């Protein structure tokens, strides 16, 4: 049995972190567990493990899970827009996360936008 078959049998987010021996912040996982696991899945789709040996597959999965966790450390899950229902709702209503507004009620530039100047 390989790491991928082991992961397929897991259900709890904590189990994935334990199986891959990746440290996590319990508060981050408690708030954003579904978002973290969805992002992990997105990363695996974009960077598949085909043609990797078992050790490389494990290291790759560890790095992707760590990156998914870190994406939500100190950030709002709603701001990350992982789920299509959130993306569609924001697009349809022109929603802006409250934590991106300045005191005058205007949207502040994000790091991506401000780096384009």
PDB file of N, CA and C in Angstrom:
ATOM      1  N   UNK A   1       0.839  -1.182   0.000  1.00  0.00           N
ATOM      2  CA  UNK A   1       0.000   0.000   0.000  1.00  0.00           C
ATOM      3  C   UNK A   1       0.879   1.239   0.000  1.00  0.00           C
ATOM      4  N   UNK A   2       0.480   2.219  -0.803  1.00  0.00           N
ATOM      5  CA  UNK A   2       1.232   3.456  -0.891  1.00  0.00           C
ATOM      6  C   UNK A   2       0.543   4.583  -0.139  1.00  0.00           C
ATOM      7  N   UNK A   3       1.207   5.709  -0.109  1.00  0.00           N
ATOM      8  CA  UNK A   3       0.683   6.860   0.610  1.00  0.00           C
ATOM      9  C   UNK A   3      -0.642   7.328   0.009  1.00  0.00           C
ATOM     10  N   UNK A   4      -0.785   7.267  -1.312  1.00  0.00           N
ATOM     11  CA  UNK A   4      -2.036   7.714  -1.924  1.00  0.00           C
ATOM     12  C   UNK A   4      -3.215   6.840  -1.512  1.00  0.00           C
ATOM     13  N   UNK A   5      -3.014   5.548  -1.475  1.00  0.00           N
ATOM     14  CA  UNK A   5      -4.108   4.671  -1.043  1.00  0.00           C
ATOM     15  C   UNK A   5      -4.406   4.890   0.436  1.00  0.00           C
ATOM     16  N   UNK A   6      -3.377   5.182   1.224  1.00  0.00           N
ATOM     17  CA  UNK A   6      -3.599   5.502   2.639  1.00  0.00           C
ATOM     18  C   UNK A   6      -4.425   6.777   2.773  1.00  0.00           C
ATOM     19  N   UNK A   7      -4.099   7.789   1.984  1.00  0.00           N
ATOM     20  CA  UNK A   7      -4.826   9.062   2.054  1.00  0.00           C
ATOM     21  C   UNK A   7      -6.276   8.913   1.611  1.00  0.00           C
ATOM     22  N   UNK A   8      -6.519   8.059   0.641  1.00  0.00           N
ATOM     23  CA  UNK A   8      -7.892   7.856   0.155  1.00  0.00           C
ATOM     24  C   UNK A   8      -8.820   7.294   1.234  1.00  0.00           C
ATOM     25  N   UNK A   9      -8.263   6.626   2.207  1.00  0.00           N
ATOM     26  CA  UNK A   9      -9.085   6.037   3.276  1.00  0.00           C
ATOM     27  C   UNK A   9      -9.377   7.021   4.410  1.00  0.00           C
ATOM     28  N   UNK A  10      -8.727   8.168   4.400  1.00  0.00           N
ATOM     29  CA  UNK A  10      -8.888   9.129   5.495  1.00  0.00           C
ATOM     30  C   UNK A  10     -10.076  10.047   5.253  1.00  0.00           C
ATOM     31  N   UNK A  11     -10.620  10.591   6.344  1.00  0.00           N
ATOM     32  CA  UNK A  11     -11.725  11.536   6.183  1.00  0.00           C
ATOM     33  C   UNK A  11     -11.491  12.832   6.952  1.00  0.00           C
ATOM     34  N   UNK A  12     -10.949  12.771   8.156  1.00  0.00           N
ATOM     35  CA  UNK A  12     -10.750  13.964   8.967  1.00  0.00           C
ATOM     36  C   UNK A  12      -9.478  14.693   8.521  1.00  0.00           C
ATOM     37  N   UNK A  13      -9.547  16.008   8.473  1.00  0.00           N
ATOM     38  CA  UNK A  13      -8.389  16.813   8.072  1.00  0.00           C
ATOM     39  C   UNK A  13      -7.179  16.509   8.950  1.00  0.00           C
ATOM     40  N   UNK A  14      -7.410  16.377  10.253  1.00  0.00           N
ATOM     41  CA  UNK A  14      -6.306  16.075  11.170  1.00  0.00           C
ATOM     42  C   UNK A  14      -5.600  14.776  10.785  1.00  0.00           C
ATOM     43  N   UNK A  15      -6.355  13.809  10.284  1.00  0.00           N
ATOM     44  CA  UNK A  15      -5.770  12.536   9.873  1.00  0.00           C
ATOM     45  C   UNK A  15      -4.800  12.714   8.703  1.00  0.00           C
ATOM     46  N   UNK A  16      -5.127  13.615   7.780  1.00  0.00           N
ATOM     47  CA  UNK A  16      -4.227  13.881   6.657  1.00  0.00           C
ATOM     48  C   UNK A  16      -2.909  14.480   7.160  1.00  0.00           C
ATOM     49  N   UNK A  17      -3.027  15.426   8.086  1.00  0.00           N
ATOM     50  CA  UNK A  17      -1.819  16.048   8.625  1.00  0.00           C
ATOM     51  C   UNK A  17      -0.976  15.030   9.388  1.00  0.00           C
ATOM     52  N   UNK A  18      -1.621  14.149  10.146  1.00  0.00           N
ATOM     53  CA  UNK A  18      -0.873  13.117  10.880  1.00  0.00           C
ATOM     54  C   UNK A  18      -0.233  12.120   9.926  1.00  0.00           C
ATOM     55  N   UNK A  19      -0.996  11.658   8.935  1.00  0.00           N
ATOM     56  CA  UNK A  19      -0.484  10.655   7.997  1.00  0.00           C
ATOM     57  C   UNK A  19       0.718  11.182   7.210  1.00  0.00           C
ATOM     58  N   UNK A  20       0.668  12.467   6.882  1.00  0.00           N
ATOM     59  CA  UNK A  20       1.766  13.058   6.117  1.00  0.00           C
ATOM     60  C   UNK A  20       2.832  13.694   7.007  1.00  0.00           C
ATOM     61  N   UNK A  21       2.588  13.632   8.330  1.00  0.00           N
ATOM     62  CA  UNK A  21       3.522  14.188   9.304  1.00  0.00           C
ATOM     63  C   UNK A  21       3.810  15.666   9.034  1.00  0.00           C
ATOM     64  N   UNK A  22       2.718  16.421   8.843  1.00  0.00           N
ATOM     65  CA  UNK A  22       2.799  17.864   8.606  1.00  0.00           C
ATOM     66  C   UNK A  22       2.238  18.562   9.839  1.00  0.00           C
ATOM     67  N   UNK A  23       3.015  19.478  10.389  1.00  0.00           N
ATOM     68  CA  UNK A  23       2.552  20.238  11.555  1.00  0.00           C
ATOM     69  C   UNK A  23       1.452  21.210  11.112  1.00  0.00           C
ATOM     70  N   UNK A  24       0.521  21.484  12.020  1.00  0.00           N
ATOM     71  CA  UNK A  24      -0.559  22.420  11.709  1.00  0.00           C
ATOM     72  C   UNK A  24      -0.961  23.171  12.963  1.00  0.00           C
ATOM     73  N   UNK A  25      -1.564  24.331  12.742  1.00  0.00           N
ATOM     74  CA  UNK A  25      -2.096  25.123  13.837  1.00  0.00           C
ATOM     75  C   UNK A  25      -3.550  24.710  14.041  1.00  0.00           C
ATOM     76  N   UNK A  26      -3.904  24.180  15.211  1.00  0.00           N
ATOM     77  CA  UNK A  26      -5.276  23.737  15.439  1.00  0.00           C
ATOM     78  C   UNK A  26      -6.316  24.827  15.195  1.00  0.00           C
ATOM     79  N   UNK A  27      -6.017  26.073  15.548  1.00  0.00           N
ATOM     80  CA  UNK A  27      -6.985  27.149  15.325  1.00  0.00           C
ATOM     81  C   UNK A  27      -7.229  27.395  13.842  1.00  0.00           C
ATOM     82  N   UNK A  28      -6.179  27.317  13.049  1.00  0.00           N
ATOM     83  CA  UNK A  28      -6.320  27.502  11.599  1.00  0.00           C
ATOM     84  C   UNK A  28      -7.163  26.366  11.030  1.00  0.00           C
ATOM     85  N   UNK A  29      -6.877  25.157  11.447  1.00  0.00           N
ATOM     86  CA  UNK A  29      -7.609  23.999  10.947  1.00  0.00           C
ATOM     87  C   UNK A  29      -9.066  24.027  11.393  1.00  0.00           C
ATOM     88  N   UNK A  30      -9.302  24.475  12.612  1.00  0.00           N
ATOM     89  CA  UNK A  30     -10.675  24.531  13.124  1.00  0.00           C
ATOM     90  C   UNK A  30     -11.525  25.504  12.293  1.00  0.00           C
ATOM     91  N   UNK A  31     -10.959  26.625  11.903  1.00  0.00           N
ATOM     92  CA  UNK A  31     -11.698  27.653  11.169  1.00  0.00           C
ATOM     93  C   UNK A  31     -11.799  27.341   9.678  1.00  0.00           C
ATOM     94  N   UNK A  32     -10.752  26.738   9.101  1.00  0.00           N
ATOM     95  CA  UNK A  32     -10.687  26.632   7.638  1.00  0.00           C
ATOM     96  C   UNK A  32     -10.467  25.214   7.121  1.00  0.00           C
ATOM     97  N   UNK A  33     -10.865  24.209   7.874  1.00  0.00           N
ATOM     98  CA  UNK A  33     -10.558  22.830   7.471  1.00  0.00           C
ATOM     99  C   UNK A  33     -11.050  22.471   6.077  1.00  0.00           C
ATOM    100  N   UNK A  34     -12.276  22.818   5.740  1.00  0.00           N
ATOM    101  CA  UNK A  34     -12.790  22.472   4.404  1.00  0.00           C
ATOM    102  C   UNK A  34     -12.033  23.223   3.320  1.00  0.00           C
ATOM    103  N   UNK A  35     -11.726  24.467   3.591  1.00  0.00           N
ATOM    104  CA  UNK A  35     -10.992  25.277   2.632  1.00  0.00           C
ATOM    105  C   UNK A  35      -9.580  24.739   2.419  1.00  0.00           C
ATOM    106  N   UNK A  36      -8.938  24.353   3.499  1.00  0.00           N
ATOM    107  CA  UNK A  36      -7.577  23.810   3.405  1.00  0.00           C
ATOM    108  C   UNK A  36      -7.577  22.521   2.601  1.00  0.00           C
ATOM    109  N   UNK A  37      -8.526  21.640   2.888  1.00  0.00           N
ATOM    110  CA  UNK A  37      -8.554  20.358   2.185  1.00  0.00           C
ATOM    111  C   UNK A  37      -8.914  20.547   0.711  1.00  0.00           C
ATOM    112  N   UNK A  38      -9.799  21.492   0.431  1.00  0.00           N
ATOM    113  CA  UNK A  38     -10.144  21.777  -0.969  1.00  0.00           C
ATOM    114  C   UNK A  38      -8.924  22.331  -1.706  1.00  0.00           C
ATOM    115  N   UNK A  39      -8.201  23.248  -1.060  1.00  0.00           N
ATOM    116  CA  UNK A  39      -7.009  23.826  -1.684  1.00  0.00           C
ATOM    117  C   UNK A  39      -5.955  22.731  -1.907  1.00  0.00           C
ATOM    118  N   UNK A  40      -5.794  21.831  -0.955  1.00  0.00           N
ATOM    119  CA  UNK A  40      -4.872  20.704  -1.110  1.00  0.00           C
ATOM    120  C   UNK A  40      -5.250  19.899  -2.356  1.00  0.00           C
ATOM    121  N   UNK A  41      -6.539  19.629  -2.512  1.00  0.00           N
ATOM    122  CA  UNK A  41      -7.011  18.909  -3.696  1.00  0.00           C
ATOM    123  C   UNK A  41      -6.741  19.672  -4.982  1.00  0.00           C
ATOM    124  N   UNK A  42      -6.932  20.994  -4.954  1.00  0.00           N
ATOM    125  CA  UNK A  42      -6.644  21.813  -6.136  1.00  0.00           C
ATOM    126  C   UNK A  42      -5.160  21.755  -6.483  1.00  0.00           C
ATOM    127  N   UNK A  43      -4.316  21.826  -5.461  1.00  0.00           N
ATOM    128  CA  UNK A  43      -2.878  21.740  -5.708  1.00  0.00           C
ATOM    129  C   UNK A  43      -2.501  20.389  -6.309  1.00  0.00           C
ATOM    130  N   UNK A  44      -3.114  19.318  -5.806  1.00  0.00           N
ATOM    131  CA  UNK A  44      -2.825  17.984  -6.357  1.00  0.00           C
ATOM    132  C   UNK A  44      -3.285  17.866  -7.805  1.00  0.00           C
ATOM    133  N   UNK A  45      -4.408  18.518  -8.135  1.00  0.00           N
ATOM    134  CA  UNK A  45      -4.882  18.494  -9.526  1.00  0.00           C
ATOM    135  C   UNK A  45      -3.902  19.214 -10.445  1.00  0.00           C
ATOM    136  N   UNK A  46      -3.348  20.313  -9.984  1.00  0.00           N
ATOM    137  CA  UNK A  46      -2.438  21.112 -10.798  1.00  0.00           C
ATOM    138  C   UNK A  46      -1.030  20.517 -10.867  1.00  0.00           C
ATOM    139  N   UNK A  47      -0.660  19.796  -9.820  1.00  0.00           N
ATOM    140  CA  UNK A  47       0.682  19.224  -9.731  1.00  0.00           C
ATOM    141  C   UNK A  47       0.576  17.742  -9.380  1.00  0.00           C
ATOM    142  N   UNK A  48       0.121  16.935 -10.321  1.00  0.00           N
ATOM    143  CA  UNK A  48      -0.117  15.513 -10.027  1.00  0.00           C
ATOM    144  C   UNK A  48       1.160  14.760  -9.657  1.00  0.00           C
ATOM    145  N   UNK A  49       0.959  13.617  -9.056  1.00  0.00           N
ATOM    146  CA  UNK A  49       2.075  12.807  -8.561  1.00  0.00           C
ATOM    147  C   UNK A  49       2.424  11.654  -9.493  1.00  0.00           C
ATOM    148  N   UNK A  50       1.925  11.710 -10.708  1.00  0.00           N
ATOM    149  CA  UNK A  50       2.199  10.642 -11.675  1.00  0.00           C
ATOM    150  C   UNK A  50       3.703  10.453 -11.853  1.00  0.00           C
ATOM    151  N   UNK A  51       4.086   9.221 -12.017  1.00  0.00           N
ATOM    152  CA  UNK A  51       5.479   8.848 -12.284  1.00  0.00           C
ATOM    153  C   UNK A  51       6.450   9.202 -11.163  1.00  0.00           C
ATOM    154  N   UNK A  52       5.944   9.416  -9.944  1.00  0.00           N
ATOM    155  CA  UNK A  52       6.831   9.659  -8.799  1.00  0.00           C
ATOM    156  C   UNK A  52       6.957   8.373  -8.003  1.00  0.00           C
ATOM    157  N   UNK A  53       8.131   8.150  -7.444  1.00  0.00           N
ATOM    158  CA  UNK A  53       8.279   7.009  -6.548  1.00  0.00           C
ATOM    159  C   UNK A  53       7.584   7.349  -5.218  1.00  0.00           C
ATOM    160  N   UNK A  54       7.495   6.395  -4.341  1.00  0.00           N
ATOM    161  CA  UNK A  54       6.746   6.556  -3.087  1.00  0.00           C
ATOM    162  C   UNK A  54       7.304   7.690  -2.214  1.00  0.00           C
ATOM    163  N   UNK A  55       8.600   7.760  -2.077  1.00  0.00           N
ATOM    164  CA  UNK A  55       9.205   8.807  -1.243  1.00  0.00           C
ATOM    165  C   UNK A  55       8.957  10.190  -1.831  1.00  0.00           C
ATOM    166  N   UNK A  56       9.073  10.313  -3.139  1.00  0.00           N
ATOM    167  CA  UNK A  56       8.823  11.601  -3.795  1.00  0.00           C
ATOM    168  C   UNK A  56       7.358  11.994  -3.692  1.00  0.00           C
ATOM    169  N   UNK A  57       6.471  11.015  -3.824  1.00  0.00           N
ATOM    170  CA  UNK A  57       5.041  11.276  -3.693  1.00  0.00           C
ATOM    171  C   UNK A  57       4.726  11.795  -2.299  1.00  0.00           C
ATOM    172  N   UNK A  58       5.300  11.163  -1.283  1.00  0.00           N
ATOM    173  CA  UNK A  58       5.074  11.604   0.104  1.00  0.00           C
ATOM    174  C   UNK A  58       5.579  13.028   0.305  1.00  0.00           C
ATOM    175  N   UNK A  59       6.789  13.319  -0.149  1.00  0.00           N
ATOM    176  CA  UNK A  59       7.340  14.674   0.009  1.00  0.00           C
ATOM    177  C   UNK A  59       6.495  15.707  -0.733  1.00  0.00           C
ATOM    178  N   UNK A  60       6.049  15.356  -1.915  1.00  0.00           N
ATOM    179  CA  UNK A  60       5.216  16.251  -2.721  1.00  0.00           C
ATOM    180  C   UNK A  60       3.896  16.536  -1.999  1.00  0.00           C
ATOM    181  N   UNK A  61       3.243  15.494  -1.500  1.00  0.00           N
ATOM    182  CA  UNK A  61       1.979  15.665  -0.770  1.00  0.00           C
ATOM    183  C   UNK A  61       2.186  16.476   0.506  1.00  0.00           C
ATOM    184  N   UNK A  62       3.284  16.241   1.193  1.00  0.00           N
ATOM    185  CA  UNK A  62       3.587  17.022   2.397  1.00  0.00           C
ATOM    186  C   UNK A  62       3.712  18.503   2.057  1.00  0.00           C
ATOM    187  N   UNK A  63       4.445  18.809   1.007  1.00  0.00           N
ATOM    188  CA  UNK A  63       4.654  20.209   0.613  1.00  0.00           C
ATOM    189  C   UNK A  63       3.337  20.871   0.213  1.00  0.00           C
ATOM    190  N   UNK A  64       2.494  20.144  -0.511  1.00  0.00           N
ATOM    191  CA  UNK A  64       1.215  20.715  -0.952  1.00  0.00           C
ATOM    192  C   UNK A  64       0.262  20.930   0.216  1.00  0.00           C
ATOM    193  N   UNK A  65       0.223  19.992   1.157  1.00  0.00           N
ATOM    194  CA  UNK A  65      -0.649  20.145   2.318  1.00  0.00           C
ATOM    195  C   UNK A  65      -0.156  21.298   3.192  1.00  0.00           C
ATOM    196  N   UNK A  66       1.148  21.393   3.363  1.00  0.00           N
ATOM    197  CA  UNK A  66       1.722  22.501   4.137  1.00  0.00           C
ATOM    198  C   UNK A  66       1.378  23.838   3.473  1.00  0.00           C
ATOM    199  N   UNK A  67       1.493  23.912   2.158  1.00  0.00           N
ATOM    200  CA  UNK A  67       1.177  25.144   1.425  1.00  0.00           C
ATOM    201  C   UNK A  67      -0.306  25.485   1.562  1.00  0.00           C
ATOM    202  N   UNK A  68      -1.172  24.484   1.481  1.00  0.00           N
ATOM    203  CA  UNK A  68      -2.611  24.731   1.622  1.00  0.00           C
ATOM    204  C   UNK A  68      -2.923  25.266   3.018  1.00  0.00           C
ATOM    205  N   UNK A  69      -2.306  24.684   4.035  1.00  0.00           N
ATOM    206  CA  UNK A  69      -2.497  25.158   5.409  1.00  0.00           C
ATOM    207  C   UNK A  69      -2.015  26.603   5.530  1.00  0.00           C
ATOM    208  N   UNK A  70      -0.836  26.871   5.015  1.00  0.00           N
ATOM    209  CA  UNK A  70      -0.248  28.205   5.147  1.00  0.00           C
ATOM    210  C   UNK A  70      -1.043  29.266   4.394  1.00  0.00           C
ATOM    211  N   UNK A  71      -1.751  28.854   3.341  1.00  0.00           N
ATOM    212  CA  UNK A  71      -2.607  29.792   2.610  1.00  0.00           C
ATOM    213  C   UNK A  71      -3.670  30.408   3.515  1.00  0.00           C
ATOM    214  N   UNK A  72      -4.058  29.688   4.565  1.00  0.00           N
ATOM    215  CA  UNK A  72      -5.146  30.148   5.422  1.00  0.00           C
ATOM    216  C   UNK A  72      -4.683  30.579   6.810  1.00  0.00           C
ATOM    217  N   UNK A  73      -3.409  30.498   7.075  1.00  0.00           N
ATOM    218  CA  UNK A  73      -2.879  30.957   8.365  1.00  0.00           C
ATOM    219  C   UNK A  73      -2.917  32.482   8.365  1.00  0.00           C
ATOM    220  N   UNK A  74      -3.741  33.040   9.223  1.00  0.00           N
ATOM    221  CA  UNK A  74      -3.848  34.490   9.323  1.00  0.00           C
ATOM    222  C   UNK A  74      -4.687  35.144   8.251  1.00  0.00           C
ATOM    223  N   UNK A  75      -5.404  34.361   7.457  1.00  0.00           N
ATOM    224  CA  UNK A  75      -6.253  34.914   6.393  1.00  0.00           C
ATOM    225  C   UNK A  75      -7.671  34.390   6.543  1.00  0.00           C
ATOM    226  N   UNK A  76      -8.593  35.149   6.062  1.00  0.00           N
ATOM    227  CA  UNK A  76      -9.999  34.743   6.093  1.00  0.00           C
ATOM    228  C   UNK A  76     -10.263  33.705   5.002  1.00  0.00           C
ATOM    229  N   UNK A  77     -10.903  32.585   5.337  1.00  0.00           N
ATOM    230  CA  UNK A  77     -11.262  31.608   4.306  1.00  0.00           C
ATOM    231  C   UNK A  77     -12.145  32.213   3.220  1.00  0.00           C
ATOM    232  N   UNK A  78     -13.010  33.153   3.589  1.00  0.00           N
ATOM    233  CA  UNK A  78     -13.876  33.779   2.591  1.00  0.00           C
ATOM    234  C   UNK A  78     -13.073  34.593   1.594  1.00  0.00           C
ATOM    235  N   UNK A  79     -11.999  35.168   2.042  1.00  0.00           N
ATOM    236  CA  UNK A  79     -11.173  36.001   1.167  1.00  0.00           C
ATOM    237  C   UNK A  79     -10.401  35.166   0.149  1.00  0.00           C
ATOM    238  N   UNK A  80     -10.125  33.936   0.469  1.00  0.00           N
ATOM    239  CA  UNK A  80      -9.353  33.075  -0.421  1.00  0.00           C
ATOM    240  C   UNK A  80     -10.180  32.507  -1.574  1.00  0.00           C
ATOM    241  N   UNK A  81     -11.501  32.522  -1.477  1.00  0.00           N
ATOM    242  CA  UNK A  81     -12.379  32.114  -2.585  1.00  0.00           C
ATOM    243  C   UNK A  81     -12.103  30.716  -3.126  1.00  0.00           C
ATOM    244  N   UNK A  82     -12.043  29.734  -2.266  1.00  0.00           N
ATOM    245  CA  UNK A  82     -11.733  28.376  -2.705  1.00  0.00           C
ATOM    246  C   UNK A  82     -12.926  27.707  -3.390  1.00  0.00           C
ATOM    247  N   UNK A  83     -14.109  27.922  -2.861  1.00  0.00           N
ATOM    248  CA  UNK A  83     -15.288  27.231  -3.374  1.00  0.00           C
ATOM    249  C   UNK A  83     -15.992  28.050  -4.434  1.00  0.00           C
ATOM    250  N   UNK A  84     -16.448  27.390  -5.489  1.00  0.00           N
ATOM    251  CA  UNK A  84     -17.084  28.092  -6.610  1.00  0.00           C
ATOM    252  C   UNK A  84     -18.345  28.832  -6.188  1.00  0.00           C
ATOM    253  N   UNK A  85     -19.051  28.336  -5.179  1.00  0.00           N
ATOM    254  CA  UNK A  85     -20.265  29.020  -4.731  1.00  0.00           C
ATOM    255  C   UNK A  85     -19.911  30.395  -4.164  1.00  0.00           C
ATOM    256  N   UNK A  86     -18.786  30.522  -3.483  1.00  0.00           N
ATOM    257  CA  UNK A  86     -18.346  31.819  -2.967  1.00  0.00           C
ATOM    258  C   UNK A  86     -17.890  32.721  -4.100  1.00  0.00           C
ATOM    259  N   UNK A  87     -17.211  32.149  -5.077  1.00  0.00           N
ATOM    260  CA  UNK A  87     -16.756  32.934  -6.221  1.00  0.00           C
ATOM    261  C   UNK A  87     -17.952  33.481  -6.995  1.00  0.00           C
ATOM    262  N   UNK A  88     -18.956  32.631  -7.210  1.00  0.00           N
ATOM    263  CA  UNK A  88     -20.148  33.047  -7.960  1.00  0.00           C
ATOM    264  C   UNK A  88     -20.933  34.106  -7.203  1.00  0.00           C
ATOM    265  N   UNK A  89     -21.081  33.926  -5.895  1.00  0.00           N
ATOM    266  CA  UNK A  89     -21.828  34.898  -5.094  1.00  0.00           C
ATOM    267  C   UNK A  89     -21.135  36.248  -5.099  1.00  0.00           C
ATOM    268  N   UNK A  90     -19.841  36.242  -4.965  1.00  0.00           N
ATOM    269  CA  UNK A  90     -19.096  37.511  -4.966  1.00  0.00           C
ATOM    270  C   UNK A  90     -19.206  38.188  -6.325  1.00  0.00           C
ATOM    271  N   UNK A  91     -19.099  37.427  -7.389  1.00  0.00           N
ATOM    272  CA  UNK A  91     -19.170  38.000  -8.734  1.00  0.00           C
ATOM    273  C   UNK A  91     -20.575  38.546  -9.019  1.00  0.00           C
ATOM    274  N   UNK A  92     -21.593  37.801  -8.602  1.00  0.00           N
ATOM    275  CA  UNK A  92     -22.970  38.207  -8.878  1.00  0.00           C
ATOM    276  C   UNK A  92     -23.367  39.453  -8.105  1.00  0.00           C
ATOM    277  N   UNK A  93     -22.891  39.589  -6.919  1.00  0.00           N
ATOM    278  CA  UNK A  93     -23.297  40.703  -6.069  1.00  0.00           C
ATOM    279  C   UNK A  93     -22.243  41.784  -5.946  1.00  0.00           C
ATOM    280  N   UNK A  94     -21.091  41.534  -6.509  1.00  0.00           N
ATOM    281  CA  UNK A  94     -20.014  42.498  -6.354  1.00  0.00           C
ATOM    282  C   UNK A  94     -19.574  42.604  -4.902  1.00  0.00           C
ATOM    283  N   UNK A  95     -19.598  41.479  -4.192  1.00  0.00           N
ATOM    284  CA  UNK A  95     -19.247  41.475  -2.778  1.00  0.00           C
ATOM    285  C   UNK A  95     -17.766  41.755  -2.568  1.00  0.00           C
ATOM    286  N   UNK A  96     -17.500  42.503  -1.548  1.00  0.00           N
ATOM    287  CA  UNK A  96     -16.139  42.812  -1.149  1.00  0.00           C
ATOM    288  C   UNK A  96     -16.007  42.433   0.313  1.00  0.00           C
ATOM    289  N   UNK A  97     -14.998  41.634   0.694  1.00  0.00           N
ATOM    290  CA  UNK A  97     -14.839  41.278   2.104  1.00  0.00           C
ATOM    291  C   UNK A  97     -14.656  42.522   2.966  1.00  0.00           C
ATOM    292  N   UNK A  98     -15.321  42.565   4.098  1.00  0.00           N
ATOM    293  CA  UNK A  98     -15.275  43.729   4.980  1.00  0.00           C
ATOM    294  C   UNK A  98     -13.861  44.039   5.435  1.00  0.00           C
ATOM    295  N   UNK A  99     -13.027  43.029   5.600  1.00  0.00           N
ATOM    296  CA  UNK A  99     -11.675  43.289   6.083  1.00  0.00           C
ATOM    297  C   UNK A  99     -10.772  43.924   5.027  1.00  0.00           C
ATOM    298  N   UNK A 100     -11.282  44.109   3.802  1.00  0.00           N
ATOM    299  CA  UNK A 100     -10.490  44.780   2.764  1.00  0.00           C
ATOM    300  C   UNK A 100     -10.868  46.251   2.619  1.00  0.00           C
ATOM    301  N   UNK A 101     -11.833  46.708   3.401  1.00  0.00           N
ATOM    302  CA  UNK A 101     -12.266  48.098   3.308  1.00  0.00           C
ATOM    303  C   UNK A 101     -11.460  48.983   4.239  1.00  0.00           C
ATOM    304  N   UNK A 102     -11.160  50.178   3.778  1.00  0.00           N
ATOM    305  CA  UNK A 102     -10.495  51.130   4.654  1.00  0.00           C
ATOM    306  C   UNK A 102     -11.556  51.911   5.429  1.00  0.00           C
ATOM    307  N   UNK A 103     -11.158  52.862   6.202  1.00  0.00           N
ATOM    308  CA  UNK A 103     -12.118  53.588   7.055  1.00  0.00           C
ATOM    309  C   UNK A 103     -13.122  54.407   6.260  1.00  0.00           C
ATOM    310  N   UNK A 104     -12.804  54.761   5.035  1.00  0.00           N
ATOM    311  CA  UNK A 104     -13.728  55.535   4.210  1.00  0.00           C
ATOM    312  C   UNK A 104     -14.688  54.637   3.437  1.00  0.00           C
ATOM    313  N   UNK A 105     -14.612  53.327   3.643  1.00  0.00           N
ATOM    314  CA  UNK A 105     -15.507  52.396   2.968  1.00  0.00           C
ATOM    315  C   UNK A 105     -15.058  52.018   1.574  1.00  0.00           C
ATOM    316  N   UNK A 106     -13.830  52.359   1.217  1.00  0.00           N
ATOM    317  CA  UNK A 106     -13.289  52.005  -0.098  1.00  0.00           C
ATOM    318  C   UNK A 106     -12.417  50.759   0.025  1.00  0.00           C
ATOM    319  N   UNK A 107     -12.431  49.966  -1.038  1.00  0.00           N
ATOM    320  CA  UNK A 107     -11.621  48.747  -1.033  1.00  0.00           C
ATOM    321  C   UNK A 107     -10.148  49.108  -1.116  1.00  0.00           C
ATOM    322  N   UNK A 108      -9.351  48.503  -0.226  1.00  0.00           N
ATOM    323  CA  UNK A 108      -7.912  48.714  -0.257  1.00  0.00           C
ATOM    324  C   UNK A 108      -7.291  47.731  -1.236  1.00  0.00           C
ATOM    325  N   UNK A 109      -6.235  48.117  -1.928  1.00  0.00           N
ATOM    326  CA  UNK A 109      -5.604  47.201  -2.868  1.00  0.00           C
ATOM    327  C   UNK A 109      -4.997  46.012  -2.152  1.00  0.00           C
ATOM    328  N   UNK A 110      -5.128  44.845  -2.751  1.00  0.00           N
ATOM    329  CA  UNK A 110      -4.493  43.651  -2.199  1.00  0.00           C
ATOM    330  C   UNK A 110      -3.043  43.640  -2.645  1.00  0.00           C
ATOM    331  N   UNK A 111      -2.284  42.716  -2.093  1.00  0.00           N
ATOM    332  CA  UNK A 111      -0.871  42.618  -2.461  1.00  0.00           C
ATOM    333  C   UNK A 111      -0.703  42.401  -3.958  1.00  0.00           C
ATOM    334  N   UNK A 112      -1.581  41.563  -4.571  1.00  0.00           N
ATOM    335  CA  UNK A 112      -1.462  41.291  -5.987  1.00  0.00           C
ATOM    336  C   UNK A 112      -1.711  42.554  -6.800  1.00  0.00           C
ATOM    337  N   UNK A 113      -2.744  43.295  -6.438  1.00  0.00           N
ATOM    338  CA  UNK A 113      -3.073  44.508  -7.185  1.00  0.00           C
ATOM    339  C   UNK A 113      -2.005  45.574  -7.008  1.00  0.00           C
ATOM    340  N   UNK A 114      -1.556  45.768  -5.776  1.00  0.00           N
ATOM    341  CA  UNK A 114      -0.595  46.830  -5.538  1.00  0.00           C
ATOM    342  C   UNK A 114       0.762  46.518  -6.156  1.00  0.00           C
ATOM    343  N   UNK A 115       1.079  45.257  -6.366  1.00  0.00           N
ATOM    344  CA  UNK A 115       2.368  44.910  -6.956  1.00  0.00           C
ATOM    345  C   UNK A 115       2.369  45.114  -8.472  1.00  0.00           C
ATOM    346  N   UNK A 116       1.190  45.346  -9.056  1.00  0.00           N
ATOM    347  CA  UNK A 116       1.114  45.556 -10.503  1.00  0.00           C
ATOM    348  C   UNK A 116       1.424  46.996 -10.888  1.00  0.00           C
ATOM    349  N   UNK A 117       1.505  47.874  -9.935  1.00  0.00           N
ATOM    350  CA  UNK A 117       1.743  49.299 -10.242  1.00  0.00           C
ATOM    351  C   UNK A 117       3.159  49.536 -10.679  1.00  0.00           C
TER     352      UNK A 117
END
